[in-house]
Amino acid sequence: MYEISGSLILVVDHSRLFRTMLCQFLTDQGYKVCEASSGKEAIEVFDRTSPKMVLMGVVMSKTDGISSLDACRRIREIDRDEYSPVLIVTSTQNEDLIAAAFEAGAADYIMKPIQWNLLEHSIKFKLQSSKAAYALQASEERFRQLFEDSPLPYQAMDDHGRVVDVNAAWLEMMGMISDQVVGQSFGELMDANEWRKFMHMFPSFIKNGALANFQLTINHADGTPLIIELNGRVAYDIHGDFKQTHCVLQNITERMAIEHELRRLATSDPLTGLANRRAFFTEADHALLQCARYHHDYTVMMLDIDHFKSINDTFGHDVGDQVLKLVSNEMQQQIRAVDILGRLGGEEFAIALPEADISTATTVAERIRIAVEAFSLDTEQGCVRFTISIGLSQLSDAKSNEALIKKADELLYQAKQNGRNRIETTLA
């Protein structure tokens, strides 16, 4: 802890009388004192005792070959743990001499004859300044140590988005060395779209002083894209003006991949990869709402593989699974990107066709029926051929996907009753 009260002050002067006067004055003010009569001794005492301040006569004999200015310079070099100001005591206002003292590292000078009240205030002020400087330095050193030792990648940027500092974890994450990035635009690490996204956000970051959970894709040194999450603060100078941003970067590429896979598993049929029942209705309900709002056409079809139980019983469930996947793939080939295909269960499938009337949907259904009918699967037990039956309903038949599916399912049942491998659009 840096304490002013009771601070140790080193008094250096060749005159024993002057040292005694200074030491008595300082002792009366509550300071501890130590003495030296030459430059060499001053260096030795300073190195041994680490005083908080040095009062040094500027004109001392050079019997030991070391002047007061040489001693001041050396003290500055060995001041290890904190800044201990050196105050030069001089009887002359020679500008060259004073300039040389400041060059040697002196913090200030005191004129002889000494005005003791001014000396008292000067000592307190310099000690307080030293305490503040020490606290600031210690704070900066702690911050720098935390910065360097942090396991999280960290970077600082100026108000133009240029990188001004990074830590070891950042360099490791990016596979770079400091010279490759410091002084460069952050935009060099990403494609143009991501840079525009970042710069659209950056002014508000600077204005608000904080950034939370901002996701961005940047490029590793080897070109691999990394999804990162930025959290940051703005640092200001003593006048409250922008200094730089401080951001922690977290590589969430793996996390995002896991989340994507979990969403896929939660919304996909594990065998065919199509939307499962829940995901189908979620997407289809959104599409139906849009079509109903703007009075656009909307059609739903139900599809079922004919005699699927017989395929399983005759050829086995492995072959049945292959048939399900083949039919799924064929349906995907025949529909548009905006159409919604899902497996509702067993051998039943549904397709929602936004902005497609019954005539267009029937054309699509016929393409699917013909493609499936033409397909065959060679197995050890022989060649497997299969067909599908289809029922279609349109928005005018009902106002919800559940009702439209029910209507299409009734038409599908009718298609099977009428001989299978066919399409029905109107109940008999």
Protein backbone atom coordinates (compact mmCIF):
# COMPACT_ATOMS: atom_id res chain seq x y z
CA MET A 1 0.00 0.00 0.00
CA TYR A 2 1.38 3.40 -0.97
CA GLU A 3 1.24 5.63 2.14
CA ILE A 4 2.13 9.33 2.23
CA SER A 5 2.10 9.71 6.00
CA GLY A 6 5.40 8.43 7.44
CA SER A 7 6.98 8.15 3.99
CA LEU A 8 10.74 7.65 3.87
CA ILE A 9 12.60 10.54 2.21
CA LEU A 10 16.25 10.43 1.19
CA VAL A 11 18.18 13.68 1.76
CA VAL A 12 21.33 14.04 -0.34
CA ASP A 13 23.83 16.91 0.02
CA HIS A 14 27.55 17.31 0.69
CA SER A 15 26.79 19.79 3.51
CA ARG A 16 26.14 18.08 6.83
CA LEU A 17 24.53 21.25 8.18
CA PHE A 18 22.09 21.48 5.26
CA ARG A 19 21.23 17.79 5.57
CA THR A 20 20.58 18.22 9.29
CA MET A 21 18.25 21.18 8.66
CA LEU A 22 16.31 19.28 6.03
CA CYS A 23 16.11 16.11 8.11
CA GLN A 24 14.86 18.00 11.14
CA PHE A 25 12.22 19.76 9.08
CA LEU A 26 11.03 16.50 7.51
CA THR A 27 10.98 14.69 10.86
CA ASP A 28 8.84 17.49 12.32
CA GLN A 29 6.41 16.98 9.41
CA GLY A 30 6.04 13.29 10.28
CA TYR A 31 8.32 11.82 7.59
CA LYS A 32 11.08 9.28 8.06
CA VAL A 33 14.48 10.25 6.72
CA CYS A 34 17.74 8.74 5.54
CA GLU A 35 20.85 10.56 4.35
CA ALA A 36 23.64 10.48 1.80
CA SER A 37 26.54 12.87 1.32
CA SER A 38 27.52 12.01 -2.24
CA GLY A 39 26.11 10.78 -5.52
CA LYS A 40 27.54 7.30 -5.10
CA GLU A 41 26.21 7.00 -1.55
CA ALA A 42 22.82 8.30 -2.69
CA ILE A 43 22.56 5.49 -5.23
CA GLU A 44 23.56 2.88 -2.64
CA VAL A 45 21.09 4.17 -0.01
CA PHE A 46 18.28 4.45 -2.54
CA ASP A 47 18.89 0.92 -3.78
CA ARG A 48 18.90 -0.41 -0.21
CA THR A 49 15.97 1.53 1.33
CA SER A 50 13.63 2.41 -1.61
CA PRO A 51 12.52 5.82 -0.26
CA LYS A 52 9.35 7.50 -1.53
CA MET A 53 11.18 10.71 -2.44
CA VAL A 54 14.68 12.13 -2.87
CA LEU A 55 15.74 15.70 -2.00
CA MET A 56 19.09 16.18 -3.72
CA GLY A 57 21.44 19.14 -3.77
CA VAL A 58 22.31 19.90 -7.40
CA VAL A 59 25.90 21.00 -6.69
CA MET A 60 27.87 18.30 -4.95
CA SER A 61 31.53 17.36 -5.01
CA LYS A 62 32.54 14.69 -7.50
CA THR A 63 35.10 13.07 -5.26
CA ASP A 64 33.48 9.72 -6.02
CA GLY A 65 33.18 10.54 -9.73
CA ILE A 66 29.36 10.76 -9.67
CA SER A 67 27.57 14.11 -9.85
CA SER A 68 24.10 14.77 -8.49
CA LEU A 69 22.65 14.62 -12.01
CA ASP A 70 24.41 11.31 -12.67
CA ALA A 71 22.96 10.02 -9.39
CA CYS A 72 19.49 11.25 -10.35
CA ARG A 73 19.75 9.44 -13.68
CA ARG A 74 20.87 6.22 -11.99
CA ILE A 75 18.11 6.42 -9.39
CA ARG A 76 15.56 6.66 -12.16
CA GLU A 77 17.00 3.50 -13.68
CA ILE A 78 16.82 1.44 -10.47
CA ASP A 79 13.43 2.75 -9.26
CA ARG A 80 11.92 -0.73 -9.39
CA ASP A 81 8.45 -0.86 -7.93
CA GLU A 82 7.07 2.66 -7.97
CA TYR A 83 7.83 6.19 -9.07
CA SER A 84 9.88 8.01 -6.38
CA PRO A 85 10.23 11.68 -7.40
CA VAL A 86 13.61 13.37 -7.19
CA LEU A 87 13.48 17.07 -6.20
CA ILE A 88 16.67 18.98 -7.03
CA VAL A 89 17.67 21.64 -4.49
CA THR A 90 19.62 24.47 -6.13
CA SER A 91 20.75 28.00 -5.34
CA THR A 92 20.79 29.07 -8.99
CA GLN A 93 18.14 29.54 -11.64
CA ASN A 94 20.53 28.63 -14.42
CA GLU A 95 18.20 27.43 -17.17
CA ASP A 96 20.72 25.03 -18.66
CA LEU A 97 21.31 23.41 -15.28
CA ILE A 98 17.59 23.09 -14.55
CA ALA A 99 16.96 21.67 -18.02
CA ALA A 100 19.75 19.14 -17.46
CA ALA A 101 18.16 18.15 -14.15
CA PHE A 102 14.81 17.48 -15.81
CA GLU A 103 16.58 15.53 -18.54
CA ALA A 104 18.20 13.41 -15.85
CA GLY A 105 14.75 12.52 -14.49
CA ALA A 106 14.12 15.12 -11.80
CA ALA A 107 10.47 15.80 -11.03
CA ASP A 108 10.94 19.40 -9.87
CA TYR A 109 13.43 21.78 -8.31
CA ILE A 110 13.55 23.71 -5.01
CA MET A 111 15.32 27.09 -4.77
CA LYS A 112 17.63 28.14 -1.97
CA PRO A 113 17.15 29.79 0.39
CA ILE A 114 14.35 27.37 1.11
CA GLN A 115 10.88 28.69 1.86
CA TRP A 116 9.86 25.97 4.30
CA ASN A 117 6.09 26.38 3.92
CA LEU A 118 6.41 26.06 0.14
CA LEU A 119 8.66 23.02 0.56
CA GLU A 120 6.05 21.40 2.80
CA HIS A 121 3.33 21.83 0.16
CA SER A 122 5.63 20.75 -2.67
CA ILE A 123 6.58 17.52 -0.88
CA LYS A 124 2.94 16.64 -0.14
CA PHE A 125 1.90 17.41 -3.72
CA LYS A 126 4.71 15.35 -5.25
CA LEU A 127 4.05 12.42 -2.94
CA GLN A 128 0.34 12.51 -3.74
CA SER A 129 1.14 12.71 -7.45
CA SER A 130 3.51 9.79 -7.07
CA LYS A 131 0.84 7.81 -5.27
CA ALA A 132 -1.63 8.49 -8.09
CA ALA A 133 0.98 7.62 -10.71
CA TYR A 134 1.85 4.43 -8.85
CA ALA A 135 -1.82 3.45 -8.54
CA LEU A 136 -2.37 4.13 -12.24
CA GLN A 137 0.71 2.18 -13.21
CA ALA A 138 -0.28 -0.70 -10.95
CA SER A 139 -3.80 -0.67 -12.39
CA GLU A 140 -2.47 -0.65 -15.94
CA GLU A 141 -0.05 -3.46 -15.13
CA ARG A 142 -2.83 -5.55 -13.56
CA PHE A 143 -5.05 -4.89 -16.55
CA ARG A 144 -2.24 -5.77 -18.95
CA GLN A 145 -1.53 -8.96 -17.05
CA LEU A 146 -5.20 -9.92 -17.08
CA PHE A 147 -5.32 -8.99 -20.75
CA GLU A 148 -2.34 -11.18 -21.62
CA ASP A 149 -3.29 -14.09 -19.36
CA SER A 150 -6.98 -14.13 -20.25
CA PRO A 151 -8.07 -17.45 -21.79
CA LEU A 152 -10.60 -15.50 -23.85
CA PRO A 153 -9.52 -13.77 -27.07
CA TYR A 154 -9.41 -10.00 -26.56
CA GLN A 155 -8.94 -7.08 -28.94
CA ALA A 156 -8.98 -3.29 -28.83
CA MET A 157 -10.02 -1.09 -31.77
CA ASP A 158 -9.94 2.59 -32.63
CA ASP A 159 -12.96 4.56 -33.84
CA HIS A 160 -12.32 3.49 -37.46
CA GLY A 161 -12.46 -0.21 -36.65
CA ARG A 162 -8.69 -0.68 -36.80
CA VAL A 163 -7.21 -3.24 -34.43
CA VAL A 164 -4.81 -1.59 -31.97
CA ASP A 165 -4.15 -4.50 -29.63
CA VAL A 166 -4.80 -8.25 -29.25
CA ASN A 167 -3.81 -10.83 -26.67
CA ALA A 168 -2.21 -14.27 -26.98
CA ALA A 169 -5.56 -16.09 -26.88
CA TRP A 170 -6.78 -14.00 -29.83
CA LEU A 171 -3.65 -14.81 -31.86
CA GLU A 172 -4.00 -18.50 -31.05
CA MET A 173 -7.67 -18.55 -32.07
CA MET A 174 -6.92 -16.81 -35.37
CA GLY A 175 -3.63 -18.60 -36.15
CA MET A 176 -1.83 -15.27 -36.60
CA ILE A 177 1.02 -13.23 -35.18
CA SER A 178 0.61 -9.71 -33.82
CA ASP A 179 2.24 -7.98 -36.81
CA GLN A 180 -0.39 -9.45 -39.14
CA VAL A 181 -3.30 -7.75 -37.42
CA VAL A 182 -2.30 -4.79 -35.21
CA GLY A 183 -2.82 -1.60 -37.19
CA GLN A 184 -5.02 -3.35 -39.73
CA SER A 185 -8.76 -2.89 -40.26
CA PHE A 186 -10.91 -5.48 -38.52
CA GLY A 187 -12.67 -5.76 -41.86
CA GLU A 188 -9.62 -7.51 -43.33
CA LEU A 189 -10.69 -10.59 -41.36
CA MET A 190 -14.14 -10.97 -42.94
CA ASP A 191 -16.01 -10.78 -46.21
CA ALA A 192 -17.70 -7.60 -47.45
CA ASN A 193 -21.19 -8.49 -46.19
CA GLU A 194 -19.97 -9.20 -42.67
CA TRP A 195 -17.93 -5.98 -42.65
CA ARG A 196 -21.02 -3.97 -43.66
CA LYS A 197 -22.95 -5.70 -40.88
CA PHE A 198 -20.23 -4.79 -38.39
CA MET A 199 -19.90 -1.16 -39.50
CA HIS A 200 -23.68 -0.73 -39.38
CA MET A 201 -23.50 -1.65 -35.69
CA PHE A 202 -20.19 0.06 -34.80
CA PRO A 203 -21.40 3.70 -34.46
CA SER A 204 -24.10 2.70 -31.98
CA PHE A 205 -21.51 0.67 -30.05
CA ILE A 206 -19.33 3.76 -29.70
CA LYS A 207 -22.33 5.95 -28.83
CA ASN A 208 -23.86 3.59 -26.25
CA GLY A 209 -20.55 2.48 -24.78
CA ALA A 210 -21.38 -1.22 -24.71
CA LEU A 211 -21.88 -4.19 -27.01
CA ALA A 212 -23.49 -7.51 -26.09
CA ASN A 213 -23.72 -10.86 -27.87
CA PHE A 214 -23.04 -9.54 -31.37
CA GLN A 215 -22.44 -12.45 -33.76
CA LEU A 216 -20.11 -12.17 -36.71
CA THR A 217 -18.32 -14.53 -39.09
CA ILE A 218 -14.59 -13.89 -39.52
CA ASN A 219 -11.86 -15.85 -41.28
CA HIS A 220 -9.07 -17.81 -39.65
CA ALA A 221 -5.58 -17.39 -41.13
CA ASP A 222 -6.13 -20.62 -43.09
CA GLY A 223 -9.41 -19.32 -44.53
CA THR A 224 -11.69 -21.34 -42.26
CA PRO A 225 -14.78 -19.31 -41.26
CA LEU A 226 -15.25 -18.79 -37.53
CA ILE A 227 -18.51 -17.67 -35.96
CA ILE A 228 -17.66 -15.35 -33.08
CA GLU A 229 -19.67 -13.54 -30.44
CA LEU A 230 -18.46 -10.07 -29.41
CA ASN A 231 -19.03 -8.44 -26.04
CA GLY A 232 -17.37 -5.12 -25.39
CA ARG A 233 -17.05 -1.75 -23.73
CA VAL A 234 -15.80 1.65 -24.83
CA ALA A 235 -12.85 3.17 -22.97
CA TYR A 236 -12.77 6.96 -22.55
CA ASP A 237 -9.92 9.33 -21.75
CA ILE A 238 -9.82 11.69 -18.76
CA HIS A 239 -11.86 14.23 -20.72
CA GLY A 240 -14.62 11.73 -21.43
CA ASP A 241 -13.72 11.43 -25.11
CA PHE A 242 -13.55 8.14 -26.99
CA LYS A 243 -10.25 6.33 -26.54
CA GLN A 244 -10.77 2.81 -27.89
CA THR A 245 -13.07 -0.19 -27.71
CA HIS A 246 -12.32 -3.27 -25.66
CA CYS A 247 -13.93 -6.50 -26.91
CA VAL A 248 -13.87 -10.12 -25.83
CA LEU A 249 -14.34 -12.55 -28.72
CA GLN A 250 -15.77 -15.99 -28.15
CA ASN A 251 -15.47 -18.63 -30.86
CA ILE A 252 -18.98 -20.12 -31.00
CA THR A 253 -18.54 -22.05 -34.27
CA GLU A 254 -18.81 -25.44 -32.58
CA ARG A 255 -21.67 -24.30 -30.37
CA MET A 256 -23.62 -23.01 -33.37
CA ALA A 257 -23.02 -26.29 -35.22
CA ILE A 258 -24.33 -28.25 -32.23
CA GLU A 259 -27.37 -25.98 -31.93
CA HIS A 260 -28.04 -26.34 -35.66
CA GLU A 261 -27.82 -30.12 -35.38
CA LEU A 262 -30.13 -30.16 -32.36
CA ARG A 263 -32.67 -28.04 -34.25
CA ARG A 264 -32.37 -30.37 -37.24
CA LEU A 265 -32.92 -33.42 -35.05
CA ALA A 266 -35.88 -31.76 -33.35
CA THR A 267 -37.56 -30.81 -36.63
CA SER A 268 -36.51 -33.60 -39.01
CA ASP A 269 -37.67 -37.13 -39.65
CA PRO A 270 -34.63 -39.29 -38.76
CA LEU A 271 -35.08 -41.71 -41.67
CA THR A 272 -35.84 -39.44 -44.62
CA GLY A 273 -34.48 -36.09 -43.40
CA LEU A 274 -37.80 -34.42 -44.27
CA ALA A 275 -39.65 -32.13 -41.90
CA ASN A 276 -41.36 -34.11 -39.16
CA ARG A 277 -45.05 -33.66 -38.37
CA ARG A 278 -44.52 -30.78 -35.94
CA ALA A 279 -42.08 -28.91 -38.21
CA PHE A 280 -44.35 -29.43 -41.23
CA PHE A 281 -47.34 -27.85 -39.53
CA THR A 282 -45.22 -24.96 -38.15
CA GLU A 283 -43.97 -24.04 -41.63
CA ALA A 284 -47.27 -24.78 -43.36
CA ASP A 285 -49.28 -22.68 -40.88
CA HIS A 286 -47.04 -19.69 -41.62
CA ALA A 287 -47.44 -20.19 -45.37
CA LEU A 288 -51.22 -20.59 -45.08
CA LEU A 289 -51.48 -17.39 -43.01
CA GLN A 290 -49.60 -15.42 -45.68
CA CYS A 291 -51.70 -16.82 -48.53
CA ALA A 292 -54.99 -16.21 -46.70
CA ARG A 293 -53.95 -12.64 -45.83
CA TYR A 294 -53.22 -11.72 -49.45
CA HIS A 295 -55.96 -13.92 -50.96
CA HIS A 296 -53.49 -16.16 -52.77
CA ASP A 297 -54.04 -19.78 -53.76
CA TYR A 298 -52.91 -22.52 -51.39
CA THR A 299 -53.14 -26.28 -51.89
CA VAL A 300 -52.25 -29.28 -49.73
CA MET A 301 -51.68 -32.86 -50.89
CA MET A 302 -51.56 -36.09 -48.90
CA LEU A 303 -49.46 -38.93 -50.35
CA ASP A 304 -49.36 -42.58 -49.28
CA ILE A 305 -47.29 -45.51 -50.61
CA ASP A 306 -49.61 -48.21 -51.89
CA HIS A 307 -49.41 -51.66 -50.26
CA PHE A 308 -46.50 -50.55 -48.09
CA LYS A 309 -47.28 -53.16 -45.41
CA SER A 310 -46.87 -55.88 -48.04
CA ILE A 311 -43.48 -54.50 -49.03
CA ASN A 312 -42.33 -54.69 -45.38
CA ASP A 313 -43.80 -58.17 -44.90
CA THR A 314 -42.35 -59.56 -48.15
CA PHE A 315 -38.97 -57.87 -48.40
CA GLY A 316 -38.30 -56.77 -44.83
CA HIS A 317 -38.19 -53.43 -43.04
CA ASP A 318 -34.75 -52.56 -44.40
CA VAL A 319 -36.15 -52.58 -47.92
CA GLY A 320 -39.22 -50.71 -46.67
CA ASP A 321 -36.93 -48.01 -45.32
CA GLN A 322 -35.16 -47.79 -48.67
CA VAL A 323 -38.50 -47.35 -50.41
CA LEU A 324 -39.46 -44.53 -48.01
CA LYS A 325 -36.17 -42.73 -48.72
CA LEU A 326 -36.46 -43.22 -52.48
CA VAL A 327 -39.99 -41.83 -52.53
CA SER A 328 -38.89 -38.91 -50.33
CA ASN A 329 -36.04 -38.08 -52.68
CA GLU A 330 -38.30 -38.28 -55.74
CA MET A 331 -40.85 -35.93 -54.18
CA GLN A 332 -38.10 -33.42 -53.34
CA GLN A 333 -36.98 -33.48 -56.97
CA GLN A 334 -40.46 -32.60 -58.25
CA ILE A 335 -41.48 -29.70 -55.99
CA ARG A 336 -40.42 -26.03 -55.73
CA ALA A 337 -38.13 -24.54 -53.11
CA VAL A 338 -41.12 -22.74 -51.52
CA ASP A 339 -43.15 -25.93 -51.18
CA ILE A 340 -43.19 -27.65 -47.79
CA LEU A 341 -42.70 -31.44 -47.67
CA GLY A 342 -43.01 -33.52 -44.55
CA ARG A 343 -43.39 -37.08 -43.36
CA LEU A 344 -46.41 -37.24 -41.09
CA GLY A 345 -45.83 -40.84 -40.03
CA GLY A 346 -45.41 -44.35 -41.45
CA GLU A 347 -45.77 -44.19 -45.23
CA GLU A 348 -47.80 -40.96 -45.17
CA PHE A 349 -46.42 -37.70 -46.54
CA ALA A 350 -47.84 -34.20 -46.95
CA ILE A 351 -46.91 -31.32 -49.25
CA ALA A 352 -48.09 -27.73 -48.82
CA LEU A 353 -47.96 -25.66 -52.03
CA PRO A 354 -48.25 -21.90 -51.35
CA GLU A 355 -49.63 -19.81 -54.24
CA ALA A 356 -50.57 -22.92 -56.25
CA ASP A 357 -54.15 -23.55 -57.37
CA ILE A 358 -55.66 -27.02 -57.58
CA SER A 359 -54.76 -27.32 -61.27
CA THR A 360 -51.08 -26.52 -60.72
CA ALA A 361 -50.95 -28.80 -57.67
CA THR A 362 -52.52 -31.63 -59.68
CA THR A 363 -49.80 -31.25 -62.33
CA VAL A 364 -47.14 -31.51 -59.61
CA ALA A 365 -48.89 -34.52 -58.07
CA GLU A 366 -49.05 -36.27 -61.44
CA ARG A 367 -45.31 -35.72 -61.98
CA ILE A 368 -44.61 -37.29 -58.61
CA ARG A 369 -46.97 -40.23 -59.28
CA ILE A 370 -45.41 -40.99 -62.66
CA ALA A 371 -41.84 -40.72 -61.32
CA VAL A 372 -42.54 -43.10 -58.44
CA GLU A 373 -44.39 -45.57 -60.67
CA ALA A 374 -41.40 -45.71 -63.03
CA PHE A 375 -39.00 -46.48 -60.21
CA SER A 376 -37.84 -49.94 -59.17
CA LEU A 377 -35.56 -51.27 -56.45
CA ASP A 378 -33.40 -54.37 -56.92
CA THR A 379 -33.04 -56.50 -53.79
CA GLU A 380 -31.80 -60.01 -52.96
CA GLN A 381 -35.42 -61.13 -52.85
CA GLY A 382 -36.18 -59.64 -56.25
CA CYS A 383 -37.25 -56.39 -57.88
CA VAL A 384 -39.55 -54.12 -55.86
CA ARG A 385 -41.93 -51.80 -57.64
CA PHE A 386 -44.28 -49.40 -55.86
CA THR A 387 -46.84 -46.68 -56.48
CA ILE A 388 -48.48 -43.88 -54.51
CA SER A 389 -51.96 -42.52 -54.09
CA ILE A 390 -52.61 -38.81 -53.66
CA GLY A 391 -55.42 -36.61 -52.39
CA LEU A 392 -55.52 -32.80 -52.83
CA SER A 393 -57.47 -30.04 -51.08
CA GLN A 394 -57.35 -26.27 -51.52
CA LEU A 395 -57.79 -23.16 -49.38
CA SER A 396 -61.44 -22.76 -50.39
CA ASP A 397 -62.18 -26.19 -48.85
CA ALA A 398 -61.06 -25.22 -45.30
CA LYS A 399 -59.31 -22.46 -43.30
CA SER A 400 -56.68 -24.45 -41.39
CA ASN A 401 -53.97 -26.92 -42.30
CA GLU A 402 -55.47 -29.53 -39.98
CA ALA A 403 -58.78 -29.28 -41.81
CA LEU A 404 -57.12 -29.24 -45.23
CA ILE A 405 -55.03 -32.30 -44.33
CA LYS A 406 -58.16 -34.09 -43.14
CA LYS A 407 -59.93 -33.22 -46.40
CA ALA A 408 -56.91 -34.37 -48.47
CA ASP A 409 -56.69 -37.56 -46.42
CA GLU A 410 -60.32 -38.36 -47.24
CA LEU A 411 -59.51 -37.86 -50.93
CA LEU A 412 -56.43 -40.08 -50.52
CA TYR A 413 -58.64 -42.82 -49.06
CA GLN A 414 -60.94 -42.40 -52.02
CA ALA A 415 -57.98 -42.77 -54.41
CA LYS A 416 -57.14 -46.08 -52.77
CA GLN A 417 -60.76 -47.20 -52.95
CA ASN A 418 -60.76 -46.36 -56.66
CA GLY A 419 -57.79 -48.58 -57.45
CA ARG A 420 -54.68 -46.82 -56.04
CA ASN A 421 -51.85 -45.20 -58.05
CA ARG A 422 -54.06 -42.23 -58.76
CA ILE A 423 -54.94 -38.67 -57.72
CA GLU A 424 -58.26 -37.48 -56.31
CA THR A 425 -59.21 -33.80 -55.97
CA THR A 426 -62.99 -34.01 -55.45
CA LEU A 427 -64.99 -36.31 -53.20
CA ALA A 428 -67.46 -38.53 -55.03
